[in-house]
Protein backbone atom coordinates (compact mmCIF):
# COMPACT_ATOMS: atom_id res chain seq x y z
CA MET A 1 -40.06 -3.44 11.48
CA MET A 2 -36.40 -3.83 12.38
CA VAL A 3 -33.98 -1.98 10.13
CA SER A 4 -30.68 -3.69 9.35
CA PHE A 5 -27.49 -1.84 10.17
CA PHE A 6 -26.34 -2.53 6.61
CA ASP A 7 -29.29 -0.73 5.03
CA GLN A 8 -27.31 2.52 5.19
CA PHE A 9 -24.92 1.09 2.58
CA ALA A 10 -27.66 0.33 0.04
CA SER A 11 -27.60 2.65 -2.94
CA PRO A 12 -30.62 5.00 -2.65
CA THR A 13 -33.11 5.17 -5.50
CA PHE A 14 -35.75 7.68 -6.57
CA LEU A 15 -38.51 6.49 -8.90
CA GLY A 16 -36.37 3.45 -9.59
CA ILE A 17 -33.35 5.57 -10.59
CA PRO A 18 -30.11 4.98 -8.58
CA LEU A 19 -28.94 8.21 -6.98
CA ILE A 20 -25.31 7.14 -6.64
CA ALA A 21 -24.49 9.23 -9.73
CA VAL A 22 -25.82 12.33 -7.96
CA ALA A 23 -23.78 11.48 -4.86
CA ILE A 24 -20.65 11.19 -7.01
CA ALA A 25 -21.27 14.37 -9.01
CA LEU A 26 -22.34 16.58 -6.10
CA PRO A 27 -18.87 17.14 -4.57
CA TRP A 28 -17.60 18.79 -7.74
CA VAL A 29 -20.33 21.45 -7.42
CA LEU A 30 -19.14 22.34 -3.92
CA PHE A 31 -15.55 23.13 -4.88
CA PRO A 32 -14.89 26.88 -5.09
CA THR A 33 -13.54 28.05 -8.44
CA PRO A 34 -10.71 30.60 -8.55
CA PRO A 35 -11.95 34.06 -9.58
CA SER A 36 -10.42 36.21 -12.29
CA ARG A 37 -9.10 38.70 -9.73
CA TRP A 38 -5.45 38.79 -8.74
CA LEU A 39 -6.24 38.40 -5.05
CA ASN A 40 -8.15 35.31 -3.92
CA ASN A 41 -10.24 34.93 -0.80
CA ARG A 42 -9.11 32.82 2.16
CA LEU A 43 -10.95 29.67 1.07
CA ILE A 44 -9.40 29.68 -2.41
CA THR A 45 -5.97 30.40 -0.93
CA LEU A 46 -6.29 27.52 1.55
CA GLN A 47 -7.48 25.15 -1.17
CA THR A 48 -4.61 26.12 -3.46
CA TRP A 49 -2.06 25.75 -0.67
CA PHE A 50 -3.38 22.30 0.30
CA ILE A 51 -3.36 20.97 -3.26
CA SER A 52 0.12 22.42 -3.90
CA ARG A 53 1.62 20.92 -0.75
CA PHE A 54 -0.02 17.55 -1.36
CA THR A 55 1.14 17.42 -4.97
CA ASN A 56 4.72 18.34 -4.05
CA GLN A 57 4.84 15.70 -1.32
CA LEU A 58 3.32 13.01 -3.53
CA LEU A 59 5.48 13.60 -6.58
CA LEU A 60 8.75 14.06 -4.68
CA PRO A 61 10.02 10.47 -5.23
CA LEU A 62 8.85 10.37 -8.87
CA ASN A 63 10.91 11.36 -11.87
CA VAL A 64 9.82 13.87 -14.48
CA GLY A 65 7.83 11.25 -16.40
CA GLY A 66 5.58 10.64 -13.41
CA HIS A 67 4.76 14.34 -12.99
CA LYS A 68 2.19 14.02 -15.79
CA TRP A 69 -0.04 12.30 -13.23
CA ALA A 70 -0.06 15.31 -10.88
CA LEU A 71 -3.47 16.61 -12.01
CA LEU A 72 -5.06 13.15 -11.84
CA PHE A 73 -3.69 12.40 -8.37
CA ALA A 74 -4.66 15.80 -6.96
CA SER A 75 -8.18 15.58 -8.41
CA LEU A 76 -8.64 12.03 -7.12
CA MET A 77 -7.41 13.01 -3.65
CA VAL A 78 -9.78 15.98 -3.35
CA PHE A 79 -12.65 13.93 -4.77
CA LEU A 80 -12.21 11.04 -2.32
CA ILE A 81 -11.78 13.32 0.69
CA THR A 82 -14.93 15.26 -0.19
CA ILE A 83 -17.04 12.14 -0.72
CA ASN A 84 -15.78 10.54 2.50
CA MET A 85 -16.39 13.70 4.54
CA LEU A 86 -19.89 14.26 3.11
CA GLY A 87 -20.73 10.66 3.97
CA LEU A 88 -20.31 11.46 7.67
CA LEU A 89 -23.23 13.90 7.60
CA PRO A 90 -26.63 12.59 8.75
CA TYR A 91 -29.01 11.21 6.12
CA THR A 92 -26.31 11.03 3.46
CA PHE A 93 -24.94 8.21 1.33
CA THR A 94 -21.23 7.41 1.00
CA PRO A 95 -20.44 6.06 -2.49
CA THR A 96 -16.97 4.91 -1.38
CA THR A 97 -18.56 2.25 0.87
CA GLN A 98 -19.45 0.44 -2.37
CA LEU A 99 -16.76 -2.02 -3.42
CA SER A 100 -17.82 -1.72 -7.06
CA LEU A 101 -17.03 2.01 -7.14
CA ASN A 102 -13.67 1.60 -5.40
CA MET A 103 -12.67 -1.23 -7.72
CA GLY A 104 -13.79 0.90 -10.66
CA LEU A 105 -11.28 3.52 -9.53
CA ALA A 106 -8.49 1.14 -8.48
CA VAL A 107 -8.36 -1.32 -11.39
CA PRO A 108 -8.03 1.14 -14.33
CA LEU A 109 -5.45 3.30 -12.53
CA TRP A 110 -3.40 0.27 -11.42
CA LEU A 111 -3.62 -1.19 -14.94
CA ALA A 112 -2.44 2.11 -16.40
CA THR A 113 0.71 2.03 -14.23
CA VAL A 114 1.42 -1.57 -15.31
CA ILE A 115 0.93 -0.77 -18.99
CA ILE A 116 3.22 2.27 -18.72
CA GLY A 117 5.91 0.09 -17.14
CA MET A 118 5.59 -2.63 -19.77
CA ARG A 119 5.73 -0.05 -22.57
CA ASN A 120 8.57 2.17 -21.32
CA GLN A 121 10.83 -0.33 -19.53
CA PRO A 122 9.62 -3.91 -19.99
CA THR A 123 12.84 -5.46 -18.64
CA VAL A 124 12.65 -3.56 -15.36
CA ALA A 125 8.89 -4.16 -15.05
CA LEU A 126 9.30 -7.91 -15.51
CA GLY A 127 12.35 -7.85 -13.23
CA HIS A 128 10.10 -7.01 -10.28
CA LEU A 129 8.66 -10.53 -10.58
CA LEU A 130 12.02 -12.10 -9.68
CA PRO A 131 14.21 -10.60 -6.91
CA GLU A 132 17.93 -10.49 -7.59
CA GLY A 133 19.96 -13.35 -6.19
CA THR A 134 17.08 -15.84 -6.01
CA PRO A 135 18.19 -19.51 -5.85
CA VAL A 136 17.39 -21.43 -9.01
CA PRO A 137 14.97 -23.93 -7.39
CA LEU A 138 12.85 -21.07 -6.00
CA ILE A 139 12.55 -19.15 -9.27
CA PRO A 140 9.25 -20.68 -10.49
CA VAL A 141 7.63 -20.37 -7.05
CA LEU A 142 8.71 -16.76 -6.59
CA ILE A 143 7.51 -15.77 -10.06
CA ILE A 144 4.06 -17.22 -9.27
CA ILE A 145 3.95 -15.50 -5.86
CA GLU A 146 5.03 -12.11 -7.24
CA THR A 147 2.55 -12.38 -10.09
CA ILE A 148 -0.28 -13.11 -7.67
CA SER A 149 0.79 -10.20 -5.44
CA LEU A 150 0.83 -7.93 -8.50
CA PHE A 151 -2.75 -8.79 -9.42
CA ILE A 152 -3.91 -8.50 -5.80
CA ARG A 153 -2.86 -4.83 -5.63
CA PRO A 154 -6.06 -3.31 -7.10
CA LEU A 155 -8.18 -5.62 -4.96
CA ALA A 156 -6.28 -4.46 -1.86
CA LEU A 157 -6.79 -0.82 -2.85
CA GLY A 158 -10.55 -1.19 -3.22
CA VAL A 159 -11.12 -3.47 -0.22
CA ARG A 160 -9.01 -1.29 2.11
CA LEU A 161 -11.00 1.84 1.34
CA THR A 162 -14.34 0.02 1.51
CA ALA A 163 -13.60 -1.88 4.72
CA ASN A 164 -12.31 1.12 6.68
CA LEU A 165 -15.23 3.37 5.80
CA THR A 166 -17.82 0.61 6.28
CA ALA A 167 -16.42 -0.34 9.70
CA GLY A 168 -16.42 3.30 10.83
CA HIS A 169 -20.01 3.89 9.75
CA LEU A 170 -21.16 0.69 11.46
CA LEU A 171 -19.44 1.66 14.72
CA ILE A 172 -21.03 5.10 14.66
CA GLN A 173 -24.49 3.62 14.05
CA LEU A 174 -24.06 0.99 16.77
CA ILE A 175 -22.94 3.51 19.40
CA ALA A 176 -25.63 6.01 18.38
CA THR A 177 -28.27 3.29 18.74
CA ALA A 178 -26.89 2.45 22.18
CA VAL A 179 -27.18 6.11 23.21
CA PHE A 180 -30.86 6.26 22.25
CA VAL A 181 -31.61 2.96 24.02
CA LEU A 182 -29.75 3.88 27.23
CA MET A 183 -31.03 7.47 27.52
CA PRO A 184 -34.37 6.66 29.26
CA MET A 185 -32.90 3.90 31.44
CA MET A 186 -29.38 5.08 32.38
CA PRO A 187 -28.83 8.75 31.47
CA THR A 188 -25.32 8.89 32.94
CA VAL A 189 -24.14 5.92 30.90
CA ALA A 190 -25.85 7.38 27.84
CA ILE A 191 -23.99 10.69 28.26
CA LEU A 192 -20.67 8.86 28.57
CA THR A 193 -21.54 6.81 25.49
CA ALA A 194 -22.40 10.01 23.62
CA ALA A 195 -18.95 11.38 24.51
CA VAL A 196 -17.40 8.22 23.07
CA LEU A 197 -19.55 8.73 19.96
CA LEU A 198 -18.22 12.27 19.58
CA LEU A 199 -14.62 11.07 19.83
CA LEU A 200 -15.34 8.28 17.34
CA THR A 201 -16.83 10.80 14.92
CA LEU A 202 -13.67 12.90 15.13
CA LEU A 203 -11.65 9.74 14.51
CA GLU A 204 -13.79 8.94 11.47
CA VAL A 205 -13.10 12.40 10.07
CA ALA A 206 -9.38 11.62 10.30
CA VAL A 207 -9.92 8.16 8.80
CA ALA A 208 -11.86 9.66 5.88
CA MET A 209 -8.92 11.91 5.02
CA ILE A 210 -6.21 9.34 5.72
CA GLN A 211 -7.82 6.63 3.60
CA ALA A 212 -8.13 8.99 0.64
CA TYR A 213 -4.46 9.90 1.04
CA VAL A 214 -3.40 6.24 1.36
CA PHE A 215 -5.35 5.31 -1.78
CA VAL A 216 -3.57 7.94 -3.86
CA LEU A 217 -0.21 7.33 -2.16
CA LEU A 218 -0.24 3.63 -3.04
CA LEU A 219 -1.10 4.47 -6.64
CA SER A 220 1.89 6.82 -6.75
CA LEU A 221 4.13 4.05 -5.37
CA TYR A 222 2.88 1.67 -8.06
CA LEU A 223 3.62 4.37 -10.63
CA GLN A 224 7.10 4.90 -9.17
CA GLU A 225 7.97 1.27 -9.91
CA ASN A 226 7.05 1.67 -13.59
CA VAL A 227 8.42 5.08 -14.63
C-alpha cells in the first residue's frame, strides 16, 4: 500500500487518543532547571546566556510598558525552537506543522496587542488605519485596506510558520525516498543525493530556529505599535 507524503503531518493517536498534547508538553520536560548552587553547569549557563541575549535584542525597541511581555516572548521562543528541532528527528511528530496550533498561538497574542493598544492609546491605534496626508477621496479605500491588513496579521503568522516547516519536511522526505530508490540502481547518484539531503537537513535546522524567531519578532513589532 502506498503511503502518502502528507501522512507524516497527521496527528498520531494511541487507543483513539490524540498524542499531540504529549508532543506539546514533552519539550518542557527536557529543559534543564537551574540548581540551587551558586555556580551553574555549562548547559545552564549557555541557556541563560541565550535567553538573556534574545530578550535584550527583542525588547530593545520597546518602551518600559512592553517589557512586561519579556517572559512570555522568551518562553514562546524557546518552546517553538524546541518543538521545531524535535520534529526533525526520525519517527517524531511536529505539532507546529498543524495550522490549528499555530493559529491558536497567533490569534490570542495578536488580539492581546490590539486590545492593549485600544485601551491605552485608542487615538494612536486607530490612527494606524489612516496614514497621515492621505487625499480625501482615498480615505474610505485606505481605511478598508488597512483594516483588512490588520486582520490578516494573525493568519500570516500561522500560515508562515506552517508553510515553511511543512515544505521543509516534504523536501526531506522526497529526497530521502529518492536516495532509497536510487541506491540499488545508481549508487553514485544516490550518494550525491544523500549529500544534498544532509545539507538540506542542516538548512532545516536553521529554518526551524529562524521561523521561531520570526514568529516572536513579528509579535513584538505588533506590540511596539500599541504600547
